[in-house]
N, C-alpha and C. Protein backbone atom coordinates (compact mmCIF):
# COMPACT_ATOMS: atom_id res chain seq x y z
N MET A 1 96.53 -47.61 14.25
CA MET A 1 96.02 -46.30 14.03
C MET A 1 94.81 -46.30 13.12
N SER A 2 94.75 -47.29 12.31
CA SER A 2 93.62 -47.33 11.40
C SER A 2 92.32 -47.48 12.15
N ALA A 3 92.37 -48.14 13.30
CA ALA A 3 91.15 -48.29 14.09
C ALA A 3 90.74 -46.97 14.68
N LEU A 4 91.74 -46.16 14.97
CA LEU A 4 91.41 -44.89 15.55
C LEU A 4 91.01 -43.86 14.50
N HIS A 5 91.32 -44.17 13.25
CA HIS A 5 91.00 -43.23 12.20
C HIS A 5 89.48 -43.26 11.93
N THR A 6 88.88 -42.18 12.10
CA THR A 6 87.43 -42.06 11.83
C THR A 6 87.23 -41.02 10.75
N THR A 7 86.17 -41.19 10.05
CA THR A 7 85.86 -40.19 9.03
C THR A 7 84.94 -39.15 9.64
N ASN A 8 85.21 -37.98 9.29
CA ASN A 8 84.36 -36.90 9.78
C ASN A 8 83.19 -36.73 8.83
N LYS A 9 82.04 -37.10 9.29
CA LYS A 9 80.83 -36.89 8.50
C LYS A 9 80.13 -35.65 9.01
N GLU A 10 79.74 -34.84 8.09
CA GLU A 10 79.03 -33.63 8.48
C GLU A 10 77.58 -33.98 8.78
N PRO A 11 77.09 -33.35 9.83
CA PRO A 11 75.67 -33.61 10.11
C PRO A 11 74.82 -33.08 8.95
N PRO A 12 73.72 -33.70 8.70
CA PRO A 12 72.89 -33.25 7.59
C PRO A 12 72.43 -31.80 7.81
N SER A 13 72.47 -31.04 6.73
CA SER A 13 72.07 -29.64 6.84
C SER A 13 70.55 -29.55 6.84
N GLN A 14 70.08 -28.38 7.23
CA GLN A 14 68.63 -28.18 7.28
C GLN A 14 68.02 -28.34 5.90
N GLY A 15 68.70 -27.88 4.87
CA GLY A 15 68.19 -27.99 3.51
C GLY A 15 68.03 -29.44 3.10
N ASN A 16 68.99 -30.26 3.43
CA ASN A 16 68.89 -31.68 3.09
C ASN A 16 67.77 -32.35 3.85
N SER A 17 67.56 -31.96 5.11
CA SER A 17 66.52 -32.59 5.93
C SER A 17 65.14 -32.32 5.36
N SER A 18 64.84 -31.06 5.04
CA SER A 18 63.51 -30.75 4.51
C SER A 18 63.34 -31.31 3.11
N GLY A 19 64.41 -31.39 2.37
CA GLY A 19 64.34 -31.98 1.04
C GLY A 19 63.99 -33.45 1.12
N SER A 20 64.58 -34.14 2.09
CA SER A 20 64.29 -35.57 2.22
C SER A 20 62.87 -35.80 2.72
N VAL A 21 62.35 -34.89 3.58
CA VAL A 21 60.97 -35.01 4.06
C VAL A 21 60.00 -34.82 2.90
N LEU A 22 60.30 -33.85 2.05
CA LEU A 22 59.45 -33.59 0.89
C LEU A 22 59.47 -34.77 -0.07
N ALA A 23 60.65 -35.34 -0.25
CA ALA A 23 60.77 -36.50 -1.14
C ALA A 23 59.98 -37.68 -0.58
N GLU A 24 60.07 -37.90 0.73
CA GLU A 24 59.32 -38.99 1.35
C GLU A 24 57.81 -38.76 1.23
N PHE A 25 57.38 -37.52 1.39
CA PHE A 25 55.94 -37.20 1.30
C PHE A 25 55.41 -37.47 -0.10
N THR A 26 56.15 -37.03 -1.10
CA THR A 26 55.67 -37.22 -2.47
C THR A 26 55.69 -38.69 -2.86
N GLN A 27 56.61 -39.45 -2.29
CA GLN A 27 56.64 -40.89 -2.61
C GLN A 27 55.52 -41.64 -1.90
N SER A 28 55.12 -41.17 -0.70
CA SER A 28 54.08 -41.87 0.05
C SER A 28 52.67 -41.48 -0.41
N ARG A 29 52.54 -40.42 -1.17
CA ARG A 29 51.25 -39.96 -1.66
C ARG A 29 50.69 -40.95 -2.67
N PRO A 30 49.40 -41.26 -2.57
CA PRO A 30 48.85 -42.20 -3.56
C PRO A 30 48.82 -41.55 -4.93
N GLN A 31 49.11 -42.34 -5.89
CA GLN A 31 49.13 -41.85 -7.26
C GLN A 31 47.71 -41.80 -7.80
N ARG A 32 47.45 -40.84 -8.64
CA ARG A 32 46.14 -40.66 -9.25
C ARG A 32 45.95 -41.74 -10.31
N THR A 33 44.78 -42.32 -10.26
CA THR A 33 44.48 -43.34 -11.27
C THR A 33 43.58 -42.73 -12.33
N SER A 34 43.29 -43.47 -13.32
CA SER A 34 42.47 -42.96 -14.41
C SER A 34 41.01 -42.78 -13.99
N ASN A 35 40.57 -43.43 -12.88
CA ASN A 35 39.20 -43.30 -12.40
C ASN A 35 38.99 -42.06 -11.54
N THR A 36 40.05 -41.41 -11.10
CA THR A 36 39.94 -40.24 -10.25
C THR A 36 39.54 -39.05 -11.12
N PRO A 37 38.40 -38.38 -10.78
CA PRO A 37 37.98 -37.25 -11.61
C PRO A 37 38.93 -36.07 -11.43
N GLN A 38 39.19 -35.41 -12.50
CA GLN A 38 40.03 -34.22 -12.46
C GLN A 38 39.13 -33.01 -12.62
N VAL A 39 39.22 -32.09 -11.67
CA VAL A 39 38.40 -30.89 -11.69
C VAL A 39 39.23 -29.75 -12.25
N LYS A 40 38.75 -29.21 -13.34
CA LYS A 40 39.42 -28.07 -13.93
C LYS A 40 38.41 -26.94 -14.00
N CYS A 41 38.82 -25.77 -13.64
CA CYS A 41 37.95 -24.61 -13.70
C CYS A 41 38.35 -23.78 -14.91
N SER A 42 37.56 -23.88 -15.93
CA SER A 42 37.89 -23.14 -17.14
C SER A 42 37.14 -21.81 -17.15
N HIS A 43 37.50 -20.95 -18.06
CA HIS A 43 36.82 -19.66 -18.20
C HIS A 43 35.37 -19.87 -18.59
N ARG A 44 35.11 -20.91 -19.36
CA ARG A 44 33.74 -21.19 -19.81
C ARG A 44 32.83 -21.54 -18.64
N SER A 45 33.29 -22.38 -17.71
CA SER A 45 32.45 -22.75 -16.57
C SER A 45 32.27 -21.57 -15.61
N ARG A 46 33.28 -20.70 -15.50
CA ARG A 46 33.13 -19.51 -14.67
C ARG A 46 32.08 -18.58 -15.28
N GLY A 47 32.05 -18.46 -16.57
CA GLY A 47 31.05 -17.64 -17.24
C GLY A 47 29.65 -18.19 -17.06
N THR A 48 29.53 -19.52 -17.13
CA THR A 48 28.23 -20.16 -16.92
C THR A 48 27.73 -19.91 -15.50
N THR A 49 28.62 -19.99 -14.55
CA THR A 49 28.25 -19.74 -13.16
C THR A 49 27.78 -18.30 -12.99
N THR A 50 28.43 -17.37 -13.63
CA THR A 50 28.04 -15.96 -13.53
C THR A 50 26.66 -15.74 -14.12
N VAL A 51 26.39 -16.34 -15.26
CA VAL A 51 25.08 -16.20 -15.89
C VAL A 51 23.99 -16.82 -15.02
N GLU A 52 24.25 -18.00 -14.48
CA GLU A 52 23.27 -18.66 -13.60
C GLU A 52 23.00 -17.80 -12.37
N PHE A 53 24.05 -17.24 -11.78
CA PHE A 53 23.86 -16.37 -10.62
C PHE A 53 23.04 -15.14 -10.97
N ALA A 54 23.33 -14.54 -12.12
CA ALA A 54 22.60 -13.33 -12.53
C ALA A 54 21.11 -13.63 -12.72
N LEU A 55 20.79 -14.75 -13.35
CA LEU A 55 19.38 -15.12 -13.54
C LEU A 55 18.69 -15.41 -12.21
N THR A 56 19.35 -16.17 -11.37
CA THR A 56 18.76 -16.52 -10.08
C THR A 56 18.61 -15.30 -9.19
N ALA A 57 19.64 -14.45 -9.15
CA ALA A 57 19.57 -13.24 -8.31
C ALA A 57 18.48 -12.30 -8.82
N SER A 58 18.34 -12.18 -10.13
CA SER A 58 17.29 -11.30 -10.68
C SER A 58 15.91 -11.78 -10.26
N LEU A 59 15.67 -13.07 -10.39
CA LEU A 59 14.38 -13.63 -9.98
C LEU A 59 14.15 -13.44 -8.48
N PHE A 60 15.20 -13.69 -7.70
CA PHE A 60 15.09 -13.54 -6.25
C PHE A 60 14.73 -12.10 -5.86
N PHE A 61 15.42 -11.13 -6.45
CA PHE A 61 15.16 -9.73 -6.10
C PHE A 61 13.80 -9.26 -6.60
N LEU A 62 13.37 -9.73 -7.76
CA LEU A 62 12.03 -9.38 -8.24
C LEU A 62 10.96 -9.88 -7.27
N LEU A 63 11.11 -11.13 -6.82
CA LEU A 63 10.15 -11.68 -5.86
C LEU A 63 10.23 -10.97 -4.52
N LEU A 64 11.43 -10.63 -4.11
CA LEU A 64 11.61 -9.90 -2.85
C LEU A 64 10.92 -8.55 -2.91
N PHE A 65 11.08 -7.82 -4.03
CA PHE A 65 10.44 -6.52 -4.16
C PHE A 65 8.92 -6.64 -4.25
N MET A 66 8.43 -7.73 -4.85
CA MET A 66 6.97 -7.95 -4.89
C MET A 66 6.44 -8.16 -3.47
N VAL A 67 7.14 -8.96 -2.69
CA VAL A 67 6.71 -9.20 -1.30
C VAL A 67 6.74 -7.90 -0.51
N MET A 68 7.79 -7.09 -0.69
CA MET A 68 7.87 -5.81 0.01
C MET A 68 6.74 -4.88 -0.42
N ASP A 69 6.43 -4.89 -1.72
CA ASP A 69 5.36 -4.05 -2.25
C ASP A 69 4.01 -4.43 -1.64
N PHE A 70 3.70 -5.72 -1.62
CA PHE A 70 2.44 -6.17 -1.01
C PHE A 70 2.41 -5.88 0.49
N SER A 71 3.56 -5.99 1.13
CA SER A 71 3.62 -5.71 2.57
C SER A 71 3.34 -4.24 2.86
N LEU A 72 3.93 -3.35 2.08
CA LEU A 72 3.68 -1.92 2.27
C LEU A 72 2.22 -1.57 1.99
N TYR A 73 1.67 -2.18 0.95
CA TYR A 73 0.25 -1.97 0.63
C TYR A 73 -0.64 -2.43 1.79
N SER A 74 -0.36 -3.61 2.32
CA SER A 74 -1.15 -4.12 3.45
C SER A 74 -1.02 -3.23 4.67
N PHE A 75 0.19 -2.75 4.92
CA PHE A 75 0.41 -1.86 6.07
C PHE A 75 -0.37 -0.55 5.90
N ALA A 76 -0.33 0.02 4.70
CA ALA A 76 -1.06 1.27 4.44
C ALA A 76 -2.57 1.05 4.59
N LYS A 77 -3.06 -0.07 4.10
CA LYS A 77 -4.49 -0.36 4.19
C LYS A 77 -4.93 -0.54 5.64
N LEU A 78 -4.15 -1.27 6.41
CA LEU A 78 -4.48 -1.46 7.82
C LEU A 78 -4.39 -0.14 8.60
N THR A 79 -3.42 0.68 8.25
CA THR A 79 -3.29 1.98 8.91
C THR A 79 -4.51 2.85 8.64
N MET A 80 -4.96 2.86 7.38
CA MET A 80 -6.15 3.67 7.05
C MET A 80 -7.41 3.09 7.69
N GLN A 81 -7.48 1.76 7.81
CA GLN A 81 -8.63 1.16 8.49
C GLN A 81 -8.67 1.59 9.96
N HIS A 82 -7.50 1.60 10.58
CA HIS A 82 -7.40 2.05 11.97
C HIS A 82 -7.80 3.53 12.08
N ALA A 83 -7.34 4.35 11.13
CA ALA A 83 -7.63 5.79 11.18
C ALA A 83 -9.12 6.06 11.03
N VAL A 84 -9.79 5.35 10.11
CA VAL A 84 -11.23 5.59 9.92
C VAL A 84 -12.02 5.10 11.14
N ARG A 85 -11.56 4.04 11.77
CA ARG A 85 -12.24 3.56 12.98
C ARG A 85 -12.09 4.56 14.12
N GLU A 86 -10.87 5.11 14.29
CA GLU A 86 -10.66 6.12 15.33
C GLU A 86 -11.46 7.38 15.05
N GLY A 87 -11.52 7.77 13.76
CA GLY A 87 -12.33 8.94 13.39
C GLY A 87 -13.81 8.72 13.68
N ALA A 88 -14.30 7.53 13.41
CA ALA A 88 -15.72 7.22 13.68
C ALA A 88 -15.99 7.21 15.18
N ARG A 89 -15.08 6.68 15.95
CA ARG A 89 -15.26 6.67 17.41
C ARG A 89 -15.32 8.09 17.95
N TYR A 90 -14.53 8.97 17.36
CA TYR A 90 -14.55 10.37 17.76
C TYR A 90 -15.84 11.04 17.28
N ALA A 91 -16.26 10.72 16.05
CA ALA A 91 -17.44 11.36 15.46
C ALA A 91 -18.71 11.05 16.24
N VAL A 92 -18.86 9.83 16.72
CA VAL A 92 -20.12 9.45 17.36
C VAL A 92 -20.31 10.13 18.72
N THR A 93 -19.25 10.71 19.25
CA THR A 93 -19.38 11.41 20.53
C THR A 93 -19.83 12.86 20.35
N GLY A 94 -19.79 13.36 19.11
CA GLY A 94 -20.23 14.72 18.84
C GLY A 94 -19.23 15.79 19.22
N GLN A 95 -17.99 15.41 19.52
CA GLN A 95 -16.98 16.39 19.92
C GLN A 95 -16.51 17.22 18.73
N VAL A 96 -16.02 18.40 19.04
CA VAL A 96 -15.52 19.32 18.00
C VAL A 96 -14.21 19.98 18.40
N ASP A 97 -13.61 19.55 19.49
CA ASP A 97 -12.42 20.23 20.02
C ASP A 97 -11.17 20.07 19.14
N LEU A 98 -11.16 19.18 18.17
CA LEU A 98 -9.97 19.00 17.33
C LEU A 98 -10.01 19.83 16.04
N ASP A 99 -11.02 20.67 15.89
CA ASP A 99 -11.10 21.51 14.69
C ASP A 99 -9.85 22.37 14.62
N PRO A 100 -9.03 22.21 13.56
CA PRO A 100 -7.77 22.97 13.49
C PRO A 100 -7.99 24.48 13.36
N GLN A 101 -9.17 24.90 12.90
CA GLN A 101 -9.44 26.33 12.76
C GLN A 101 -10.17 26.89 13.98
N ALA A 102 -10.41 26.07 14.97
CA ALA A 102 -11.07 26.46 16.23
C ALA A 102 -12.43 27.13 16.00
N LYS A 103 -13.15 26.66 14.98
CA LYS A 103 -14.48 27.20 14.70
C LYS A 103 -15.58 26.21 15.08
N LEU A 104 -15.19 25.17 15.81
CA LEU A 104 -16.12 24.16 16.29
C LEU A 104 -16.89 23.49 15.15
N ASP A 105 -16.20 23.22 14.05
CA ASP A 105 -16.77 22.51 12.91
C ASP A 105 -16.53 21.02 13.12
N ARG A 106 -17.61 20.27 13.27
CA ARG A 106 -17.50 18.84 13.58
C ARG A 106 -16.82 18.08 12.45
N ARG A 107 -17.13 18.38 11.21
CA ARG A 107 -16.53 17.67 10.07
C ARG A 107 -15.01 17.84 10.06
N ARG A 108 -14.55 19.08 10.21
CA ARG A 108 -13.10 19.31 10.23
C ARG A 108 -12.44 18.64 11.44
N ALA A 109 -13.15 18.62 12.57
CA ALA A 109 -12.60 17.98 13.77
C ALA A 109 -12.43 16.48 13.56
N VAL A 110 -13.44 15.84 12.94
CA VAL A 110 -13.36 14.39 12.69
C VAL A 110 -12.27 14.10 11.67
N ILE A 111 -12.17 14.89 10.62
CA ILE A 111 -11.13 14.68 9.61
C ILE A 111 -9.73 14.88 10.23
N GLN A 112 -9.60 15.82 11.14
CA GLN A 112 -8.32 16.01 11.82
C GLN A 112 -7.98 14.79 12.67
N LYS A 113 -8.97 14.22 13.32
CA LYS A 113 -8.74 13.00 14.13
C LYS A 113 -8.28 11.86 13.23
N ILE A 114 -8.91 11.72 12.08
CA ILE A 114 -8.52 10.68 11.12
C ILE A 114 -7.09 10.93 10.63
N ARG A 115 -6.80 12.17 10.29
CA ARG A 115 -5.46 12.53 9.82
C ARG A 115 -4.40 12.23 10.88
N ASP A 116 -4.72 12.51 12.15
CA ASP A 116 -3.77 12.26 13.24
C ASP A 116 -3.43 10.78 13.38
N HIS A 117 -4.37 9.90 13.06
CA HIS A 117 -4.16 8.45 13.22
C HIS A 117 -3.73 7.76 11.94
N SER A 118 -3.53 8.51 10.87
CA SER A 118 -3.19 7.88 9.59
C SER A 118 -1.68 7.77 9.34
N MET A 119 -0.87 8.20 10.27
CA MET A 119 0.60 8.13 10.16
C MET A 119 1.11 8.82 8.90
N GLY A 120 0.44 9.88 8.49
CA GLY A 120 0.87 10.65 7.32
C GLY A 120 0.35 10.13 6.00
N TYR A 121 -0.34 9.01 5.98
CA TYR A 121 -0.86 8.45 4.73
C TYR A 121 -2.10 9.18 4.22
N PHE A 122 -2.80 9.88 5.10
CA PHE A 122 -4.05 10.54 4.70
C PHE A 122 -3.82 11.47 3.51
N ASP A 123 -2.82 12.33 3.62
CA ASP A 123 -2.56 13.31 2.56
C ASP A 123 -1.99 12.67 1.30
N GLU A 124 -1.36 11.50 1.43
CA GLU A 124 -0.81 10.81 0.27
C GLU A 124 -1.88 10.05 -0.52
N MET A 125 -2.89 9.55 0.17
CA MET A 125 -3.82 8.63 -0.47
C MET A 125 -5.18 9.21 -0.79
N LEU A 126 -5.61 10.24 -0.10
CA LEU A 126 -6.95 10.74 -0.35
C LEU A 126 -7.06 12.20 0.05
N SER A 127 -8.15 12.79 -0.35
CA SER A 127 -8.46 14.16 0.04
C SER A 127 -9.79 14.12 0.79
N GLU A 128 -10.20 15.26 1.32
CA GLU A 128 -11.45 15.30 2.08
C GLU A 128 -12.65 14.91 1.23
N GLY A 129 -12.56 15.12 -0.09
CA GLY A 129 -13.66 14.76 -0.97
C GLY A 129 -13.81 13.26 -1.17
N ASP A 130 -12.78 12.47 -0.79
CA ASP A 130 -12.84 11.01 -0.95
C ASP A 130 -13.52 10.34 0.24
N ILE A 131 -13.99 11.11 1.20
CA ILE A 131 -14.65 10.56 2.39
C ILE A 131 -16.15 10.56 2.14
N GLU A 132 -16.77 9.40 2.27
CA GLU A 132 -18.21 9.29 2.12
C GLU A 132 -18.82 8.95 3.47
N VAL A 133 -19.88 9.66 3.84
CA VAL A 133 -20.61 9.38 5.08
C VAL A 133 -22.05 9.08 4.67
N THR A 134 -22.50 7.88 5.00
CA THR A 134 -23.86 7.46 4.65
C THR A 134 -24.54 6.87 5.88
N ASP A 135 -25.84 6.67 5.75
CA ASP A 135 -26.53 5.94 6.81
C ASP A 135 -26.47 4.45 6.47
N SER A 136 -27.11 3.62 7.28
CA SER A 136 -27.02 2.18 7.08
C SER A 136 -27.68 1.73 5.78
N ASP A 137 -28.58 2.55 5.20
CA ASP A 137 -29.22 2.21 3.93
C ASP A 137 -28.42 2.67 2.72
N GLY A 138 -27.34 3.40 2.92
CA GLY A 138 -26.52 3.89 1.83
C GLY A 138 -26.87 5.29 1.37
N SER A 139 -27.81 5.95 2.05
CA SER A 139 -28.16 7.33 1.69
C SER A 139 -27.15 8.29 2.30
N ALA A 140 -26.81 9.34 1.56
CA ALA A 140 -25.83 10.32 2.04
C ALA A 140 -26.32 11.00 3.30
N VAL A 141 -25.41 11.27 4.21
CA VAL A 141 -25.71 11.92 5.49
C VAL A 141 -24.96 13.24 5.52
N SER A 142 -25.60 14.26 6.03
CA SER A 142 -24.96 15.56 6.18
C SER A 142 -23.98 15.49 7.35
N GLY A 143 -22.76 15.91 7.09
CA GLY A 143 -21.75 15.88 8.15
C GLY A 143 -21.50 14.46 8.59
N PHE A 144 -21.58 14.23 9.88
CA PHE A 144 -21.39 12.89 10.42
C PHE A 144 -22.63 12.41 11.17
N GLY A 145 -23.77 12.95 10.80
CA GLY A 145 -25.04 12.44 11.33
C GLY A 145 -25.47 13.10 12.61
N ALA A 146 -26.74 12.87 12.92
CA ALA A 146 -27.37 13.43 14.12
C ALA A 146 -27.28 12.43 15.27
N PRO A 147 -27.58 12.88 16.50
CA PRO A 147 -27.56 11.97 17.65
C PRO A 147 -28.51 10.78 17.43
N GLY A 148 -28.02 9.59 17.76
CA GLY A 148 -28.82 8.38 17.62
C GLY A 148 -28.83 7.78 16.22
N GLU A 149 -28.25 8.45 15.26
CA GLU A 149 -28.25 7.98 13.87
C GLU A 149 -27.04 7.09 13.61
N SER A 150 -27.26 5.98 12.89
CA SER A 150 -26.14 5.10 12.50
C SER A 150 -25.47 5.69 11.27
N ILE A 151 -24.16 5.67 11.28
CA ILE A 151 -23.40 6.21 10.14
C ILE A 151 -22.38 5.18 9.66
N VAL A 152 -22.07 5.27 8.38
CA VAL A 152 -21.02 4.45 7.78
C VAL A 152 -20.04 5.42 7.13
N ILE A 153 -18.78 5.37 7.58
CA ILE A 153 -17.74 6.24 7.01
C ILE A 153 -16.90 5.37 6.08
N THR A 154 -16.74 5.83 4.84
CA THR A 154 -16.00 5.08 3.82
C THR A 154 -14.93 5.97 3.22
N PHE A 155 -13.73 5.41 3.08
CA PHE A 155 -12.63 6.07 2.37
C PHE A 155 -12.33 5.27 1.12
N ASN A 156 -12.23 5.94 -0.01
CA ASN A 156 -11.77 5.31 -1.25
C ASN A 156 -10.35 5.78 -1.48
N CYS A 157 -9.41 4.85 -1.39
CA CYS A 157 -7.99 5.20 -1.39
C CYS A 157 -7.26 4.61 -2.59
N GLN A 158 -6.10 5.18 -2.87
CA GLN A 158 -5.18 4.66 -3.87
C GLN A 158 -3.79 4.58 -3.27
N TRP A 159 -3.09 3.48 -3.54
CA TRP A 159 -1.72 3.30 -3.07
C TRP A 159 -0.85 2.94 -4.28
N PRO A 160 0.28 3.62 -4.49
CA PRO A 160 1.10 3.33 -5.68
C PRO A 160 1.75 1.95 -5.61
N ILE A 161 1.81 1.28 -6.76
CA ILE A 161 2.52 0.01 -6.86
C ILE A 161 3.98 0.34 -7.16
N LEU A 162 4.88 -0.17 -6.34
CA LEU A 162 6.29 0.19 -6.47
C LEU A 162 7.06 -0.78 -7.37
N SER A 163 6.70 -2.05 -7.36
CA SER A 163 7.44 -3.07 -8.10
C SER A 163 7.01 -3.10 -9.57
N PRO A 164 7.95 -3.01 -10.52
CA PRO A 164 7.58 -3.08 -11.93
C PRO A 164 6.94 -4.41 -12.31
N LEU A 165 7.37 -5.50 -11.66
CA LEU A 165 6.79 -6.81 -11.96
C LEU A 165 5.32 -6.85 -11.53
N THR A 166 5.02 -6.29 -10.36
CA THR A 166 3.64 -6.24 -9.89
C THR A 166 2.80 -5.36 -10.81
N GLN A 167 3.36 -4.25 -11.26
CA GLN A 167 2.65 -3.38 -12.21
C GLN A 167 2.34 -4.13 -13.49
N ALA A 168 3.29 -4.94 -13.97
CA ALA A 168 3.07 -5.70 -15.20
C ALA A 168 2.00 -6.77 -15.01
N ILE A 169 2.01 -7.42 -13.85
CA ILE A 169 1.02 -8.48 -13.59
C ILE A 169 -0.38 -7.90 -13.45
N LEU A 170 -0.52 -6.79 -12.72
CA LEU A 170 -1.84 -6.20 -12.46
C LEU A 170 -2.26 -5.20 -13.54
N SER A 171 -1.36 -4.85 -14.43
CA SER A 171 -1.63 -3.89 -15.53
C SER A 171 -2.15 -2.55 -15.03
N LYS A 172 -1.63 -2.08 -13.93
CA LYS A 172 -1.97 -0.75 -13.42
C LYS A 172 -0.84 -0.25 -12.52
N SER A 173 -0.89 1.03 -12.19
CA SER A 173 0.20 1.63 -11.42
C SER A 173 -0.15 1.87 -9.96
N HIS A 174 -1.36 1.51 -9.53
CA HIS A 174 -1.75 1.72 -8.14
C HIS A 174 -2.83 0.70 -7.72
N TYR A 175 -2.89 0.50 -6.42
CA TYR A 175 -3.95 -0.33 -5.83
C TYR A 175 -5.13 0.58 -5.50
N ASP A 176 -6.33 0.14 -5.78
CA ASP A 176 -7.53 0.84 -5.35
C ASP A 176 -8.16 0.03 -4.24
N PHE A 177 -8.46 0.68 -3.13
CA PHE A 177 -9.12 -0.05 -2.04
C PHE A 177 -10.00 0.90 -1.25
N SER A 178 -10.93 0.33 -0.52
CA SER A 178 -11.82 1.11 0.34
C SER A 178 -11.73 0.57 1.76
N VAL A 179 -11.78 1.48 2.70
CA VAL A 179 -11.87 1.10 4.11
C VAL A 179 -13.13 1.77 4.66
N ARG A 180 -13.81 1.07 5.54
CA ARG A 180 -15.04 1.65 6.09
C ARG A 180 -15.29 1.12 7.48
N THR A 181 -16.09 1.88 8.20
CA THR A 181 -16.53 1.45 9.52
C THR A 181 -17.92 2.01 9.76
N SER A 182 -18.64 1.34 10.61
CA SER A 182 -20.02 1.75 10.90
C SER A 182 -20.20 1.85 12.42
N MET A 183 -20.81 2.94 12.85
CA MET A 183 -21.09 3.15 14.27
C MET A 183 -22.38 3.94 14.42
N ARG A 184 -22.91 3.91 15.63
CA ARG A 184 -24.13 4.66 15.92
C ARG A 184 -23.77 5.87 16.77
N ASN A 185 -24.24 7.04 16.36
CA ASN A 185 -23.97 8.26 17.11
C ASN A 185 -24.60 8.18 18.50
N GLU A 186 -23.86 8.67 19.46
CA GLU A 186 -24.39 8.75 20.83
C GLU A 186 -25.39 9.90 20.92
N GLU A 187 -26.10 9.94 21.99
CA GLU A 187 -27.06 11.05 22.24
C GLU A 187 -26.29 12.22 22.85
N PHE A 188 -25.55 12.91 22.03
CA PHE A 188 -24.75 14.03 22.51
C PHE A 188 -25.57 15.32 22.40
N PRO A 189 -25.35 16.25 23.32
CA PRO A 189 -26.09 17.53 23.29
C PRO A 189 -25.48 18.48 22.26
N GLY A 190 -26.30 19.40 21.80
CA GLY A 190 -25.84 20.44 20.89
C GLY A 190 -25.30 19.88 19.60
N ALA A 191 -26.02 18.98 18.97
CA ALA A 191 -25.54 18.33 17.75
C ALA A 191 -25.34 19.33 16.62
N THR A 192 -24.18 19.21 16.00
CA THR A 192 -23.90 19.99 14.79
C THR A 192 -23.44 19.02 13.73
N SER A 193 -23.70 19.32 12.49
CA SER A 193 -23.31 18.38 11.44
C SER A 193 -21.95 18.72 10.90
């Protein structure tokens, strides 16, 4: 009977199985030696990282705003250059149909044409008194000149500087610039100045 006597062994429980796997894993893991660097994140290093980020981000945003400021200035200048060129092209034909008061005033008609092509910058940057019309020698011309006469239309404009860093570098609060174009009046009938 002793041969037939067997011991009842309980199958290993789930808890014992995972415990033995964990024990085997920790035993097979290589042990840390004294040459292995230990990385600790202390409050001091986190503070240093925050300060470095703040300095870098501040410089980045200042430069970004300077680039945006110069870009807006360039866009405004190119827009006004386009507007004065379109106004001159209209002026040399002698037309007056754009006069907003319908009094066939050539000067008002040309200024309206310029205003239409300035994308709203005309009223922000200059007034009608800032427009100079001269001949090729620099002498003042009445209105926009007579038929066959060469004219030079000049705008003296101001654009605000938006970035405080740019204001500090240039020591002023706005850009001053001039846009101009030169054309010869066509031989149009019924010339009015």
